[in-house]
Amino acid sequence: MEPGREKNFILRSNERMHTIYHITTAHEWAEAIDKGAYTAPSLFAEGFIHCSNSEQVKGVLERYYLGKTDLLLLTIDPNLLQAEIKYEHAPSVNELFPHVYGPINLDAVIDSKSIATHL
């Protein structure tokens, strides 16, 4: 096993998963609606889309999105996702984060809100 990967896990298909979240821009979300699926730059660069659990969103915003505007918080029902989800260890914060290994089908996104309403 690759060092540092031993804390990763994949949920079995018969397990109900809790809601996950993804931060994007209004422009990227509008493009996704036009294309019929959401893809983030990280899907092409790293092979997955970064997501968070509810308690992780604030920290992600503070670490990666400080000063950025026009942000949306996508609420995703992982039970509706067609792509695989893996919870993987992020050593920088010592937490498991949900990663989506493929495009996010639009019907799995159950809500989208301006990030300003969540700060």
Protein backbone atom coordinates (compact mmCIF):
# COMPACT_ATOMS: atom_id res chain seq x y z
CA MET A 1 0.00 0.00 0.00
CA GLU A 2 1.22 3.48 -0.85
CA PRO A 3 2.47 5.41 2.23
CA GLY A 4 -0.11 7.85 3.57
CA ARG A 5 -2.98 6.11 1.73
CA GLU A 6 -3.80 3.62 4.47
CA LYS A 7 -6.38 6.01 5.97
CA ASN A 8 -8.43 6.17 2.75
CA PHE A 9 -11.63 4.25 2.26
CA ILE A 10 -14.47 3.74 -0.19
CA LEU A 11 -18.02 3.35 1.01
CA ARG A 12 -19.82 0.27 -0.24
CA SER A 13 -22.71 0.86 -2.61
CA ASN A 14 -25.27 -0.37 -0.06
CA GLU A 15 -24.26 2.22 2.54
CA ARG A 16 -26.26 5.47 2.73
CA MET A 17 -23.90 8.42 2.57
CA HIS A 18 -24.34 11.84 4.13
CA THR A 19 -24.68 15.02 2.10
CA ILE A 20 -21.42 16.44 0.76
CA TYR A 21 -20.54 19.91 -0.51
CA HIS A 22 -18.47 21.49 -3.25
CA ILE A 23 -17.44 25.13 -3.69
CA THR A 24 -17.45 26.55 -7.21
CA THR A 25 -18.15 29.80 -9.05
CA ALA A 26 -21.49 30.85 -10.46
CA HIS A 27 -19.85 30.86 -13.91
CA GLU A 28 -18.60 27.26 -13.61
CA TRP A 29 -22.02 26.12 -12.35
CA ALA A 30 -23.77 27.85 -15.27
CA GLU A 31 -21.40 26.05 -17.67
CA ALA A 32 -22.22 22.74 -15.98
CA ILE A 33 -25.93 23.31 -16.47
CA ASP A 34 -25.31 23.98 -20.18
CA LYS A 35 -23.13 20.85 -20.52
CA GLY A 36 -25.38 18.57 -18.46
CA ALA A 37 -22.73 17.66 -15.84
CA TYR A 38 -20.32 19.44 -13.52
CA THR A 39 -16.58 19.05 -13.89
CA ALA A 40 -13.97 20.97 -11.91
CA PRO A 41 -10.42 21.74 -13.07
CA SER A 42 -9.18 19.29 -10.42
CA LEU A 43 -10.95 16.42 -12.19
CA PHE A 44 -8.57 16.83 -15.12
CA ALA A 45 -5.50 17.79 -13.07
CA GLU A 46 -5.84 15.30 -10.18
CA GLY A 47 -8.47 12.83 -11.36
CA PHE A 48 -11.19 13.83 -8.88
CA ILE A 49 -13.41 16.68 -7.68
CA HIS A 50 -12.70 17.96 -4.16
CA CYS A 51 -15.70 17.93 -1.84
CA SER A 52 -16.27 18.43 1.87
CA ASN A 53 -18.52 17.34 4.69
CA SER A 54 -20.58 20.08 6.32
CA GLU A 55 -18.12 20.62 9.17
CA GLN A 56 -15.22 21.03 6.70
CA VAL A 57 -16.71 23.76 4.46
CA LYS A 58 -15.70 26.72 6.65
CA GLY A 59 -12.06 25.58 6.83
CA VAL A 60 -11.89 24.96 3.07
CA LEU A 61 -13.27 28.46 2.43
CA GLU A 62 -10.70 30.00 4.77
CA ARG A 63 -7.76 28.03 3.31
CA TYR A 64 -8.49 28.21 -0.42
CA TYR A 65 -11.12 30.85 -1.22
CA LEU A 66 -10.26 33.86 0.93
CA GLY A 67 -11.05 37.05 -0.98
CA LYS A 68 -12.75 35.27 -3.89
CA THR A 69 -16.19 36.35 -5.00
CA ASP A 70 -19.09 34.90 -6.99
CA LEU A 71 -18.86 31.59 -5.11
CA LEU A 72 -21.58 28.98 -4.79
CA LEU A 73 -21.92 26.10 -2.38
CA LEU A 74 -23.26 23.02 -4.13
CA THR A 75 -25.12 20.55 -1.92
CA ILE A 76 -24.69 17.05 -3.29
CA ASP A 77 -26.60 13.89 -2.44
CA PRO A 78 -23.88 11.26 -2.82
CA ASN A 79 -26.52 8.53 -3.06
CA LEU A 80 -27.55 10.03 -6.42
CA LEU A 81 -24.03 10.38 -7.82
CA GLN A 82 -23.10 8.22 -10.77
CA ALA A 83 -19.36 8.65 -10.13
CA GLU A 84 -17.43 6.87 -7.39
CA ILE A 85 -16.70 8.65 -4.10
CA LYS A 86 -13.57 7.95 -2.09
CA TYR A 87 -12.87 9.45 1.32
CA GLU A 88 -9.18 10.25 1.28
CA HIS A 89 -6.77 11.53 3.86
CA ALA A 90 -5.55 15.11 3.54
CA PRO A 91 -2.31 15.19 5.54
CA SER A 92 -2.22 19.00 5.68
CA VAL A 93 -5.26 19.01 8.00
CA ASN A 94 -5.29 15.33 9.03
CA GLU A 95 -8.88 14.78 7.87
CA LEU A 96 -10.72 12.54 5.42
CA PHE A 97 -12.34 14.41 2.53
CA PRO A 98 -14.82 13.08 -0.01
CA HIS A 99 -13.43 13.02 -3.55
CA VAL A 100 -15.68 12.41 -6.55
CA TYR A 101 -13.93 10.40 -9.27
CA GLY A 102 -15.85 11.62 -12.29
CA PRO A 103 -18.27 14.33 -13.40
CA ILE A 104 -21.07 15.23 -11.01
CA ASN A 105 -24.43 14.50 -12.60
CA LEU A 106 -26.75 17.48 -12.19
CA ASP A 107 -29.56 15.56 -10.50
CA ALA A 108 -27.19 14.73 -7.62
CA VAL A 109 -26.87 18.49 -6.87
CA ILE A 110 -29.86 19.10 -4.65
CA ASP A 111 -29.14 22.76 -3.86
CA SER A 112 -26.85 25.64 -4.81
CA LYS A 113 -26.51 28.80 -2.73
CA SER A 114 -24.36 31.88 -2.75
CA ILE A 115 -21.48 31.28 -0.38
CA ALA A 116 -22.05 34.65 1.29
CA THR A 117 -25.16 33.21 2.94
CA HIS A 118 -23.02 30.58 4.69
CA LEU A 119 -20.22 32.69 6.20
